[in-house]
PDB file of N, CA and C in Angstrom:
ATOM      1  N   MET A   1      -2.218  10.032 -26.938  1.00  0.00           N
ATOM      2  CA  MET A   1      -2.242   9.191 -26.101  1.00  0.00           C
ATOM      3  C   MET A   1      -2.300   9.228 -25.207  1.00  0.00           C
ATOM      4  N   ASP A   2      -3.243   7.822 -24.763  1.00  0.00           N
ATOM      5  CA  ASP A   2      -3.212   7.737 -23.536  1.00  0.00           C
ATOM      6  C   ASP A   2      -2.381   7.039 -22.203  1.00  0.00           C
ATOM      7  N   HIS A   3      -2.401   7.900 -20.320  1.00  0.00           N
ATOM      8  CA  HIS A   3      -1.617   8.210 -19.949  1.00  0.00           C
ATOM      9  C   HIS A   3      -2.193   6.882 -19.071  1.00  0.00           C
ATOM     10  N   ILE A   4      -1.183   6.113 -18.551  1.00  0.00           N
ATOM     11  CA  ILE A   4      -2.271   5.112 -17.819  1.00  0.00           C
ATOM     12  C   ILE A   4      -0.720   5.071 -16.591  1.00  0.00           C
ATOM     13  N   ASN A   5      -1.201   5.357 -15.288  1.00  0.00           N
ATOM     14  CA  ASN A   5      -1.089   5.200 -13.909  1.00  0.00           C
ATOM     15  C   ASN A   5      -1.678   4.520 -12.964  1.00  0.00           C
ATOM     16  N   ARG A   6      -0.937   3.894 -12.817  1.00  0.00           N
ATOM     17  CA  ARG A   6      -2.584   2.254 -12.171  1.00  0.00           C
ATOM     18  C   ARG A   6      -1.367   1.082 -11.621  1.00  0.00           C
ATOM     19  N   ILE A   7      -2.341   0.855 -10.823  1.00  0.00           N
ATOM     20  CA  ILE A   7      -0.741   0.302  -9.329  1.00  0.00           C
ATOM     21  C   ILE A   7      -2.277  -0.803  -8.581  1.00  0.00           C
ATOM     22  N   GLU A   8      -1.737  -2.045  -8.928  1.00  0.00           N
ATOM     23  CA  GLU A   8      -3.088  -2.742  -8.220  1.00  0.00           C
ATOM     24  C   GLU A   8      -1.752  -4.133  -6.805  1.00  0.00           C
ATOM     25  N   LEU A   9      -2.733  -4.065  -5.412  1.00  0.00           N
ATOM     26  CA  LEU A   9      -1.383  -4.736  -4.614  1.00  0.00           C
ATOM     27  C   LEU A   9      -2.124  -5.536  -4.195  1.00  0.00           C
ATOM     28  N   GLN A  10      -2.025  -6.353  -3.726  1.00  0.00           N
ATOM     29  CA  GLN A  10      -2.414  -7.584  -2.197  1.00  0.00           C
ATOM     30  C   GLN A  10      -1.411  -8.272  -1.675  1.00  0.00           C
ATOM     31  N   GLY A  11      -1.909  -7.977  -0.226  1.00  0.00           N
ATOM     32  CA  GLY A  11      -0.415  -8.339   0.895  1.00  0.00           C
ATOM     33  C   GLY A  11      -1.185  -8.181   1.947  1.00  0.00           C
ATOM     34  N   ARG A  12      -0.531  -8.045   2.977  1.00  0.00           N
ATOM     35  CA  ARG A  12      -0.416  -7.783   4.621  1.00  0.00           C
ATOM     36  C   ARG A  12      -0.581  -6.463   5.071  1.00  0.00           C
ATOM     37  N   VAL A  13      -1.188  -6.426   6.028  1.00  0.00           N
ATOM     38  CA  VAL A  13      -0.373  -4.569   6.138  1.00  0.00           C
ATOM     39  C   VAL A  13       0.269  -4.729   7.249  1.00  0.00           C
ATOM     40  N   GLY A  14       1.443  -3.529   7.583  1.00  0.00           N
ATOM     41  CA  GLY A  14       2.753  -3.063   7.645  1.00  0.00           C
ATOM     42  C   GLY A  14       1.955  -2.094   9.914  1.00  0.00           C
ATOM     43  N   ASN A  15       3.027  -1.488   9.253  1.00  0.00           N
ATOM     44  CA  ASN A  15       1.715  -0.444  10.226  1.00  0.00           C
ATOM     45  C   ASN A  15       1.078   0.758   9.860  1.00  0.00           C
ATOM     46  N   VAL A  16      -0.343   1.541  10.589  1.00  0.00           N
ATOM     47  CA  VAL A  16      -0.674   2.041   9.712  1.00  0.00           C
ATOM     48  C   VAL A  16      -0.787   3.272  11.095  1.00  0.00           C
ATOM     49  N   ARG A  17      -0.912   4.151  10.536  1.00  0.00           N
ATOM     50  CA  ARG A  17      -1.045   5.668  11.115  1.00  0.00           C
ATOM     51  C   ARG A  17      -1.505   6.257  10.238  1.00  0.00           C
ATOM     52  N   SER A  18      -3.486   6.277  11.378  1.00  0.00           N
ATOM     53  CA  SER A  18      -4.604   7.213  11.048  1.00  0.00           C
ATOM     54  C   SER A  18      -4.931   8.503  11.457  1.00  0.00           C
ATOM     55  N   ASN A  19      -5.594   8.867  11.087  1.00  0.00           N
ATOM     56  CA  ASN A  19      -5.704  10.185  11.894  1.00  0.00           C
ATOM     57  C   ASN A  19      -6.627  11.413  10.384  1.00  0.00           C
ATOM     58  N   GLU A  20      -7.306  12.255  11.352  1.00  0.00           N
ATOM     59  CA  GLU A  20      -8.005  13.250  10.921  1.00  0.00           C
ATOM     60  C   GLU A  20      -8.153  14.220   9.671  1.00  0.00           C
ATOM     61  N   HIS A  21      -8.509  14.917   8.545  1.00  0.00           N
ATOM     62  CA  HIS A  21      -7.644  15.549   7.963  1.00  0.00           C
ATOM     63  C   HIS A  21      -8.468  17.029   7.217  1.00  0.00           C
ATOM     64  N   ASN A  22      -9.368  17.687   8.142  1.00  0.00           N
ATOM     65  CA  ASN A  22     -10.542  18.464   7.115  1.00  0.00           C
ATOM     66  C   ASN A  22     -11.894  17.599   6.949  1.00  0.00           C
ATOM     67  N   GLY A  23     -12.202  16.614   8.504  1.00  0.00           N
ATOM     68  CA  GLY A  23     -12.727  16.139   9.020  1.00  0.00           C
ATOM     69  C   GLY A  23     -13.404  14.624   7.882  1.00  0.00           C
ATOM     70  N   THR A  24     -12.115  14.907   7.315  1.00  0.00           N
ATOM     71  CA  THR A  24     -12.037  12.855   6.694  1.00  0.00           C
ATOM     72  C   THR A  24     -11.123  12.361   6.795  1.00  0.00           C
ATOM     73  N   ARG A  25     -11.736  11.164   7.407  1.00  0.00           N
ATOM     74  CA  ARG A  25     -10.089  10.329   7.752  1.00  0.00           C
ATOM     75  C   ARG A  25      -8.991   9.815   6.684  1.00  0.00           C
ATOM     76  N   VAL A  26      -7.600  10.150   6.827  1.00  0.00           N
ATOM     77  CA  VAL A  26      -7.286   8.962   5.943  1.00  0.00           C
ATOM     78  C   VAL A  26      -5.979   8.106   6.766  1.00  0.00           C
ATOM     79  N   ALA A  27      -5.479   7.387   6.704  1.00  0.00           N
ATOM     80  CA  ALA A  27      -4.745   6.465   6.754  1.00  0.00           C
ATOM     81  C   ALA A  27      -3.918   6.084   5.886  1.00  0.00           C
ATOM     82  N   ASN A  28      -2.241   6.154   6.769  1.00  0.00           N
ATOM     83  CA  ASN A  28      -0.652   5.577   5.801  1.00  0.00           C
ATOM     84  C   ASN A  28      -0.918   4.598   6.407  1.00  0.00           C
ATOM     85  N   PHE A  29      -0.229   3.823   5.107  1.00  0.00           N
ATOM     86  CA  PHE A  29      -0.137   2.027   6.032  1.00  0.00           C
ATOM     87  C   PHE A  29       0.731   2.124   4.191  1.00  0.00           C
ATOM     88  N   SER A  30       1.961   0.778   5.178  1.00  0.00           N
ATOM     89  CA  SER A  30       2.884  -0.086   4.492  1.00  0.00           C
ATOM     90  C   SER A  30       2.284  -1.906   4.506  1.00  0.00           C
ATOM     91  N   LEU A  31       2.186  -2.086   3.012  1.00  0.00           N
ATOM     92  CA  LEU A  31       2.078  -3.243   2.715  1.00  0.00           C
ATOM     93  C   LEU A  31       2.657  -4.149   1.833  1.00  0.00           C
ATOM     94  N   ALA A  32       2.808  -5.270   2.621  1.00  0.00           N
ATOM     95  CA  ALA A  32       3.674  -6.412   2.321  1.00  0.00           C
ATOM     96  C   ALA A  32       3.860  -6.926   1.179  1.00  0.00           C
ATOM     97  N   THR A  33       4.319  -7.280  -0.037  1.00  0.00           N
ATOM     98  CA  THR A  33       3.173  -8.035  -0.692  1.00  0.00           C
ATOM     99  C   THR A  33       4.447  -8.989  -0.602  1.00  0.00           C
ATOM    100  N   ASP A  34       4.643 -10.332  -0.901  1.00  0.00           N
ATOM    101  CA  ASP A  34       5.726 -11.467  -1.217  1.00  0.00           C
ATOM    102  C   ASP A  34       5.765 -11.642  -2.615  1.00  0.00           C
ATOM    103  N   ILE A  35       7.039 -12.400  -3.607  1.00  0.00           N
ATOM    104  CA  ILE A  35       6.409 -13.050  -4.493  1.00  0.00           C
ATOM    105  C   ILE A  35       7.525 -14.347  -4.470  1.00  0.00           C
ATOM    106  N   LEU A  36       7.034 -15.695  -4.906  1.00  0.00           N
ATOM    107  CA  LEU A  36       7.781 -17.107  -4.183  1.00  0.00           C
ATOM    108  C   LEU A  36       8.334 -16.955  -6.168  1.00  0.00           C
ATOM    109  N   TYR A  37       9.618 -17.593  -6.011  1.00  0.00           N
ATOM    110  CA  TYR A  37      10.295 -18.186  -6.637  1.00  0.00           C
ATOM    111  C   TYR A  37      11.135 -19.776  -6.514  1.00  0.00           C
ATOM    112  N   LYS A  38      11.627 -19.734  -7.232  1.00  0.00           N
ATOM    113  CA  LYS A  38      12.510 -21.500  -7.569  1.00  0.00           C
ATOM    114  C   LYS A  38      14.388 -20.402  -7.784  1.00  0.00           C
ATOM    115  N   THR A  39      14.758 -21.050  -6.563  1.00  0.00           N
ATOM    116  CA  THR A  39      16.324 -21.592  -7.225  1.00  0.00           C
ATOM    117  C   THR A  39      16.735 -22.327  -7.405  1.00  0.00           C
ATOM    118  N   ARG A  40      18.158 -22.909  -7.668  1.00  0.00           N
ATOM    119  CA  ARG A  40      18.826 -23.974  -7.583  1.00  0.00           C
ATOM    120  C   ARG A  40      18.417 -24.913  -6.649  1.00  0.00           C
ATOM    121  N   ASP A  41      18.840 -24.296  -5.217  1.00  0.00           N
ATOM    122  CA  ASP A  41      18.496 -24.533  -3.524  1.00  0.00           C
ATOM    123  C   ASP A  41      16.490 -24.758  -3.195  1.00  0.00           C
ATOM    124  N   GLY A  42      16.101 -24.484  -3.997  1.00  0.00           N
ATOM    125  CA  GLY A  42      14.926 -25.050  -3.512  1.00  0.00           C
ATOM    126  C   GLY A  42      14.493 -23.379  -3.989  1.00  0.00           C
ATOM    127  N   ALA A  43      12.634 -23.214  -3.129  1.00  0.00           N
ATOM    128  CA  ALA A  43      12.292 -22.190  -3.044  1.00  0.00           C
ATOM    129  C   ALA A  43      13.164 -20.991  -2.259  1.00  0.00           C
ATOM    130  N   ALA A  44      12.653 -19.817  -3.155  1.00  0.00           N
ATOM    131  CA  ALA A  44      12.577 -18.391  -2.321  1.00  0.00           C
ATOM    132  C   ALA A  44      11.696 -17.658  -1.504  1.00  0.00           C
ATOM    133  N   SER A  45      12.044 -16.990  -1.751  1.00  0.00           N
ATOM    134  CA  SER A  45      11.128 -15.667  -1.246  1.00  0.00           C
ATOM    135  C   SER A  45      11.214 -14.493  -1.692  1.00  0.00           C
ATOM    136  N   GLU A  46      10.788 -13.508  -2.125  1.00  0.00           N
ATOM    137  CA  GLU A  46      10.818 -11.813  -2.539  1.00  0.00           C
ATOM    138  C   GLU A  46      10.174 -10.790  -1.450  1.00  0.00           C
ATOM    139  N   THR A  47      10.620  -9.977   0.117  1.00  0.00           N
ATOM    140  CA  THR A  47       8.941  -8.678   0.144  1.00  0.00           C
ATOM    141  C   THR A  47       9.448  -7.600  -0.910  1.00  0.00           C
ATOM    142  N   THR A  48       8.040  -7.732  -0.783  1.00  0.00           N
ATOM    143  CA  THR A  48       8.612  -5.813  -1.468  1.00  0.00           C
ATOM    144  C   THR A  48       6.733  -4.818  -0.177  1.00  0.00           C
ATOM    145  N   TRP A  49       7.864  -3.267   0.382  1.00  0.00           N
ATOM    146  CA  TRP A  49       7.107  -2.640   1.331  1.00  0.00           C
ATOM    147  C   TRP A  49       6.071  -2.098   0.639  1.00  0.00           C
ATOM    148  N   HIS A  50       5.179  -1.378   0.028  1.00  0.00           N
ATOM    149  CA  HIS A  50       4.461  -0.413  -0.528  1.00  0.00           C
ATOM    150  C   HIS A  50       4.091   0.174   0.223  1.00  0.00           C
ATOM    151  N   ASN A  51       4.161   1.720   0.404  1.00  0.00           N
ATOM    152  CA  ASN A  51       3.461   2.836   1.106  1.00  0.00           C
ATOM    153  C   ASN A  51       1.990   3.192   0.760  1.00  0.00           C
ATOM    154  N   ILE A  52       1.146   3.312   0.908  1.00  0.00           N
ATOM    155  CA  ILE A  52      -0.307   3.307   0.909  1.00  0.00           C
ATOM    156  C   ILE A  52      -0.823   4.447   1.317  1.00  0.00           C
ATOM    157  N   VAL A  53      -1.389   5.296   0.326  1.00  0.00           N
ATOM    158  CA  VAL A  53      -2.201   6.740   1.017  1.00  0.00           C
ATOM    159  C   VAL A  53      -3.661   6.479   1.064  1.00  0.00           C
ATOM    160  N   ALA A  54      -4.616   6.235   1.855  1.00  0.00           N
ATOM    161  CA  ALA A  54      -6.321   6.526   2.019  1.00  0.00           C
ATOM    162  C   ALA A  54      -6.874   6.826   2.444  1.00  0.00           C
ATOM    163  N   TRP A  55      -7.832   8.011   2.000  1.00  0.00           N
ATOM    164  CA  TRP A  55      -9.048   8.220   2.465  1.00  0.00           C
ATOM    165  C   TRP A  55     -10.436   8.089   1.750  1.00  0.00           C
ATOM    166  N   GLU A  56     -10.673   8.663   3.113  1.00  0.00           N
ATOM    167  CA  GLU A  56     -11.641   7.768   3.085  1.00  0.00           C
ATOM    168  C   GLU A  56     -13.026   8.224   2.060  1.00  0.00           C
ATOM    169  N   SER A  57     -13.422   7.259   2.004  1.00  0.00           N
ATOM    170  CA  SER A  57     -14.516   7.641   0.534  1.00  0.00           C
ATOM    171  C   SER A  57     -15.828   6.418   0.181  1.00  0.00           C
ATOM    172  N   LYS A  58     -16.466   6.948  -0.430  1.00  0.00           N
ATOM    173  CA  LYS A  58     -17.323   6.302  -0.926  1.00  0.00           C
ATOM    174  C   LYS A  58     -16.572   4.811  -1.774  1.00  0.00           C
ATOM    175  N   ASP A  59     -15.823   4.549  -2.086  1.00  0.00           N
ATOM    176  CA  ASP A  59     -14.234   3.361  -2.255  1.00  0.00           C
ATOM    177  C   ASP A  59     -14.095   2.761  -1.133  1.00  0.00           C
ATOM    178  N   ILE A  60     -13.285   3.304  -0.617  1.00  0.00           N
ATOM    179  CA  ILE A  60     -12.515   3.426   0.623  1.00  0.00           C
ATOM    180  C   ILE A  60     -13.776   3.788   1.872  1.00  0.00           C
ATOM    181  N   PRO A  61     -14.409   3.138   2.550  1.00  0.00           N
ATOM    182  CA  PRO A  61     -15.115   3.228   3.875  1.00  0.00           C
ATOM    183  C   PRO A  61     -14.790   2.815   4.809  1.00  0.00           C
ATOM    184  N   ASP A  62     -13.815   1.772   4.861  1.00  0.00           N
ATOM    185  CA  ASP A  62     -13.820   1.545   6.549  1.00  0.00           C
ATOM    186  C   ASP A  62     -11.678   1.704   6.377  1.00  0.00           C
ATOM    187  N   VAL A  63     -12.005   2.551   6.623  1.00  0.00           N
ATOM    188  CA  VAL A  63     -10.295   3.218   6.412  1.00  0.00           C
ATOM    189  C   VAL A  63     -10.019   3.515   8.017  1.00  0.00           C
ATOM    190  N   HIS A  64     -10.902   3.369   9.229  1.00  0.00           N
ATOM    191  CA  HIS A  64     -10.422   2.861  10.532  1.00  0.00           C
ATOM    192  C   HIS A  64     -10.758   2.271  10.352  1.00  0.00           C
ATOM    193  N   LYS A  65     -10.792   0.283  10.049  1.00  0.00           N
ATOM    194  CA  LYS A  65     -10.975  -1.305  10.061  1.00  0.00           C
ATOM    195  C   LYS A  65      -9.739  -1.635   9.985  1.00  0.00           C
ATOM    196  N   ILE A  66      -8.220  -1.441   8.782  1.00  0.00           N
ATOM    197  CA  ILE A  66      -7.316  -1.678   8.682  1.00  0.00           C
ATOM    198  C   ILE A  66      -6.196  -1.561   9.680  1.00  0.00           C
ATOM    199  N   THR A  67      -5.570  -2.255  10.263  1.00  0.00           N
ATOM    200  CA  THR A  67      -5.044  -3.128  10.968  1.00  0.00           C
ATOM    201  C   THR A  67      -3.813  -3.558  10.898  1.00  0.00           C
ATOM    202  N   LYS A  68      -2.837  -3.781  11.562  1.00  0.00           N
ATOM    203  CA  LYS A  68      -1.308  -4.823  11.299  1.00  0.00           C
ATOM    204  C   LYS A  68      -2.258  -6.003  10.693  1.00  0.00           C
ATOM    205  N   GLY A  69      -1.308  -6.773  10.074  1.00  0.00           N
ATOM    206  CA  GLY A  69      -1.809  -7.792   9.951  1.00  0.00           C
ATOM    207  C   GLY A  69      -2.707  -8.973   8.782  1.00  0.00           C
ATOM    208  N   MET A  70      -3.540  -7.741   8.616  1.00  0.00           N
ATOM    209  CA  MET A  70      -4.695  -8.049   7.716  1.00  0.00           C
ATOM    210  C   MET A  70      -4.918  -7.952   6.341  1.00  0.00           C
ATOM    211  N   PRO A  71      -4.902  -8.792   5.856  1.00  0.00           N
ATOM    212  CA  PRO A  71      -4.698  -9.168   4.311  1.00  0.00           C
ATOM    213  C   PRO A  71      -6.123  -7.846   3.509  1.00  0.00           C
ATOM    214  N   VAL A  72      -4.945  -6.782   1.977  1.00  0.00           N
ATOM    215  CA  VAL A  72      -6.172  -6.558   1.990  1.00  0.00           C
ATOM    216  C   VAL A  72      -5.671  -6.107   0.307  1.00  0.00           C
ATOM    217  N   TYR A  73      -6.347  -5.879  -0.721  1.00  0.00           N
ATOM    218  CA  TYR A  73      -6.262  -5.120  -2.023  1.00  0.00           C
ATOM    219  C   TYR A  73      -6.941  -3.756  -2.253  1.00  0.00           C
ATOM    220  N   VAL A  74      -5.749  -3.545  -2.865  1.00  0.00           N
ATOM    221  CA  VAL A  74      -5.767  -2.136  -2.990  1.00  0.00           C
ATOM    222  C   VAL A  74      -5.796  -2.023  -5.178  1.00  0.00           C
ATOM    223  N   ILE A  75      -5.775  -0.873  -5.303  1.00  0.00           N
ATOM    224  CA  ILE A  75      -5.979  -0.836  -6.316  1.00  0.00           C
ATOM    225  C   ILE A  75      -5.903   1.348  -6.263  1.00  0.00           C
ATOM    226  N   GLY A  76      -4.636   1.481  -6.714  1.00  0.00           N
ATOM    227  CA  GLY A  76      -5.067   3.052  -7.029  1.00  0.00           C
ATOM    228  C   GLY A  76      -3.689   3.170  -8.071  1.00  0.00           C
ATOM    229  N   ARG A  77      -3.450   4.495  -7.606  1.00  0.00           N
ATOM    230  CA  ARG A  77      -2.193   5.362  -8.670  1.00  0.00           C
ATOM    231  C   ARG A  77      -0.635   5.237  -8.297  1.00  0.00           C
ATOM    232  N   LEU A  78       0.457   5.083  -8.746  1.00  0.00           N
ATOM    233  CA  LEU A  78       1.644   5.543  -8.401  1.00  0.00           C
ATOM    234  C   LEU A  78       2.390   6.767  -8.270  1.00  0.00           C
ATOM    235  N   ARG A  79       2.603   7.641  -7.021  1.00  0.00           N
ATOM    236  CA  ARG A  79       2.913   9.266  -7.108  1.00  0.00           C
ATOM    237  C   ARG A  79       4.189   8.925  -6.200  1.00  0.00           C
ATOM    238  N   THR A  80       4.731  10.242  -6.818  1.00  0.00           N
ATOM    239  CA  THR A  80       6.363  10.028  -6.466  1.00  0.00           C
ATOM    240  C   THR A  80       6.658  11.516  -5.993  1.00  0.00           C
ATOM    241  N   THR A  81       7.451  11.204  -4.782  1.00  0.00           N
ATOM    242  CA  THR A  81       7.369  13.134  -4.305  1.00  0.00           C
ATOM    243  C   THR A  81       9.535  13.337  -3.861  1.00  0.00           C
ATOM    244  N   LYS A  82       9.746  14.479  -4.301  1.00  0.00           N
ATOM    245  CA  LYS A  82      10.768  14.460  -3.877  1.00  0.00           C
ATOM    246  C   LYS A  82      11.519  15.841  -3.262  1.00  0.00           C
ATOM    247  N   VAL A  83      12.118  15.035  -2.574  1.00  0.00           N
ATOM    248  CA  VAL A  83      12.741  15.711  -0.856  1.00  0.00           C
ATOM    249  C   VAL A  83      13.420  16.312  -0.768  1.00  0.00           C
ATOM    250  N   THR A  84      14.028  16.928  -0.334  1.00  0.00           N
ATOM    251  CA  THR A  84      16.244  17.869  -0.226  1.00  0.00           C
ATOM    252  C   THR A  84      16.059  17.986   1.621  1.00  0.00           C
ATOM    253  N   GLY A  85      16.798  16.451   2.148  1.00  0.00           N
ATOM    254  CA  GLY A  85      16.923  16.504   3.097  1.00  0.00           C
ATOM    255  C   GLY A  85      17.318  17.476   4.339  1.00  0.00           C
ATOM    256  N   ILE A  86      18.055  17.862   5.361  1.00  0.00           N
ATOM    257  CA  ILE A  86      18.830  19.058   6.059  1.00  0.00           C
ATOM    258  C   ILE A  86      19.816  19.077   5.448  1.00  0.00           C
ATOM    259  N   ASP A  87      20.626  17.817   5.389  1.00  0.00           N
ATOM    260  CA  ASP A  87      22.638  18.258   4.535  1.00  0.00           C
ATOM    261  C   ASP A  87      22.793  18.330   2.997  1.00  0.00           C
ATOM    262  N   GLY A  88      20.859  18.523   2.272  1.00  0.00           N
ATOM    263  CA  GLY A  88      21.576  18.274   0.667  1.00  0.00           C
ATOM    264  C   GLY A  88      20.742  17.718   0.514  1.00  0.00           C
ATOM    265  N   THR A  89      20.774  16.307   1.379  1.00  0.00           N
ATOM    266  CA  THR A  89      20.935  15.150  -0.644  1.00  0.00           C
ATOM    267  C   THR A  89      19.455  14.900  -0.644  1.00  0.00           C
ATOM    268  N   GLU A  90      19.405  14.927  -1.760  1.00  0.00           N
ATOM    269  CA  GLU A  90      17.391  14.637  -2.478  1.00  0.00           C
ATOM    270  C   GLU A  90      17.289  13.264  -1.868  1.00  0.00           C
ATOM    271  N   LYS A  91      15.884  13.124  -1.598  1.00  0.00           N
ATOM    272  CA  LYS A  91      15.495  11.751  -1.256  1.00  0.00           C
ATOM    273  C   LYS A  91      13.746  11.394  -2.046  1.00  0.00           C
ATOM    274  N   THR A  92      14.444  10.065  -2.933  1.00  0.00           N
ATOM    275  CA  THR A  92      13.098   9.846  -3.406  1.00  0.00           C
ATOM    276  C   THR A  92      11.587   9.071  -3.338  1.00  0.00           C
ATOM    277  N   TYR A  93      10.834   9.282  -2.522  1.00  0.00           N
ATOM    278  CA  TYR A  93      10.007   8.799  -2.335  1.00  0.00           C
ATOM    279  C   TYR A  93       9.351   8.427  -2.999  1.00  0.00           C
ATOM    280  N   TYR A  94       8.154   7.147  -2.681  1.00  0.00           N
ATOM    281  CA  TYR A  94       7.441   6.443  -3.842  1.00  0.00           C
ATOM    282  C   TYR A  94       6.294   5.986  -3.124  1.00  0.00           C
ATOM    283  N   GLU A  95       4.163   5.713  -3.905  1.00  0.00           N
ATOM    284  CA  GLU A  95       3.621   5.773  -2.378  1.00  0.00           C
ATOM    285  C   GLU A  95       2.384   5.681  -3.746  1.00  0.00           C
ATOM    286  N   VAL A  96       1.840   4.734  -2.698  1.00  0.00           N
ATOM    287  CA  VAL A  96       0.537   4.156  -3.308  1.00  0.00           C
ATOM    288  C   VAL A  96      -0.644   5.439  -3.289  1.00  0.00           C
ATOM    289  N   LEU A  97      -1.121   6.275  -3.778  1.00  0.00           N
ATOM    290  CA  LEU A  97      -2.509   6.805  -3.145  1.00  0.00           C
ATOM    291  C   LEU A  97      -3.431   6.176  -3.831  1.00  0.00           C
ATOM    292  N   ALA A  98      -4.052   4.956  -3.016  1.00  0.00           N
ATOM    293  CA  ALA A  98      -5.351   4.320  -2.590  1.00  0.00           C
ATOM    294  C   ALA A  98      -7.116   4.696  -3.625  1.00  0.00           C
ATOM    295  N   ASN A  99      -7.007   4.377  -5.091  1.00  0.00           N
ATOM    296  CA  ASN A  99      -9.117   4.578  -5.041  1.00  0.00           C
ATOM    297  C   ASN A  99      -9.716   3.802  -4.207  1.00  0.00           C
ATOM    298  N   LYS A 100      -9.320   2.775  -4.186  1.00  0.00           N
ATOM    299  CA  LYS A 100     -10.114   1.197  -3.367  1.00  0.00           C
ATOM    300  C   LYS A 100      -8.975   0.457  -2.823  1.00  0.00           C
ATOM    301  N   VAL A 101      -9.637   0.416  -1.150  1.00  0.00           N
ATOM    302  CA  VAL A 101      -8.820  -0.891  -0.421  1.00  0.00           C
ATOM    303  C   VAL A 101     -10.322  -1.378   0.251  1.00  0.00           C
ATOM    304  N   LYS A 102     -10.314  -2.636  -0.321  1.00  0.00           N
ATOM    305  CA  LYS A 102     -11.512  -3.988  -0.360  1.00  0.00           C
ATOM    306  C   LYS A 102      -9.919  -5.071   1.572  1.00  0.00           C
ATOM    307  N   ILE A 103     -10.705  -4.819   2.530  1.00  0.00           N
ATOM    308  CA  ILE A 103     -10.303  -6.240   3.144  1.00  0.00           C
ATOM    309  C   ILE A 103     -10.478  -7.495   2.540  1.00  0.00           C
ATOM    310  N   LEU A 104      -9.801  -7.995   3.206  1.00  0.00           N
ATOM    311  CA  LEU A 104      -9.868  -9.316   2.116  1.00  0.00           C
ATOM    312  C   LEU A 104      -9.782 -10.443   3.364  1.00  0.00           C
ATOM    313  N   ARG A 105     -10.807 -11.234   3.248  1.00  0.00           N
ATOM    314  CA  ARG A 105     -10.990 -12.808   4.369  1.00  0.00           C
ATOM    315  C   ARG A 105      -9.690 -13.730   3.876  1.00  0.00           C
ATOM    316  N   GLU A 106      -9.010 -14.617   5.431  1.00  0.00           N
ATOM    317  CA  GLU A 106      -7.712 -15.206   4.994  1.00  0.00           C
ATOM    318  C   GLU A 106      -7.474 -15.936   3.830  1.00  0.00           C
ATOM    319  N   GLU A 107      -9.154 -16.730   3.378  1.00  0.00           N
ATOM    320  CA  GLU A 107      -8.608 -17.710   3.221  1.00  0.00           C
ATOM    321  C   GLU A 107      -8.472 -16.591   1.252  1.00  0.00           C
ATOM    322  N   GLN A 108      -9.101 -15.683   1.307  1.00  0.00           N
ATOM    323  CA  GLN A 108      -9.432 -15.022  -0.203  1.00  0.00           C
ATOM    324  C   GLN A 108      -7.741 -14.004  -0.466  1.00  0.00           C
ATOM    325  N   ALA A 109      -7.533 -14.153   0.881  1.00  0.00           N
ATOM    326  CA  ALA A 109      -6.183 -13.506   0.788  1.00  0.00           C
ATOM    327  C   ALA A 109      -4.211 -14.978   0.414  1.00  0.00           C
ATOM    328  N   GLU A 110      -4.946 -16.328  -0.025  1.00  0.00           N
ATOM    329  CA  GLU A 110      -4.319 -17.335   0.021  1.00  0.00           C
ATOM    330  C   GLU A 110      -4.320 -17.848  -1.224  1.00  0.00           C
ATOM    331  N   SER A 111      -5.740 -17.110  -1.986  1.00  0.00           N
ATOM    332  CA  SER A 111      -5.885 -17.967  -3.556  1.00  0.00           C
ATOM    333  C   SER A 111      -5.601 -17.534  -4.712  1.00  0.00           C
TER     334      SER A 111
END
């Protein structure tokens, strides 16, 4: 049986935090994806925010160029992490570990 954990996203970058770990750059950024749909009253949209972790590599050479508002295309896998807070409540975090990040031009983002 094959197991598949793959996610593809295209959207706009929100907040970006970059740093270096053991000589390799890593960017943690939020990514907004929008979906448009019709309601009885007309058009509406729904925005979903995703947490992305992108380590600099041959498929992600431009980690340092990722900035807020930039359109990007991301391929990666979904990872969940459970954390127990100081108050004892357990929280689950979802993040995308990027295998590839492509910075898009404005006209690519709109197609």
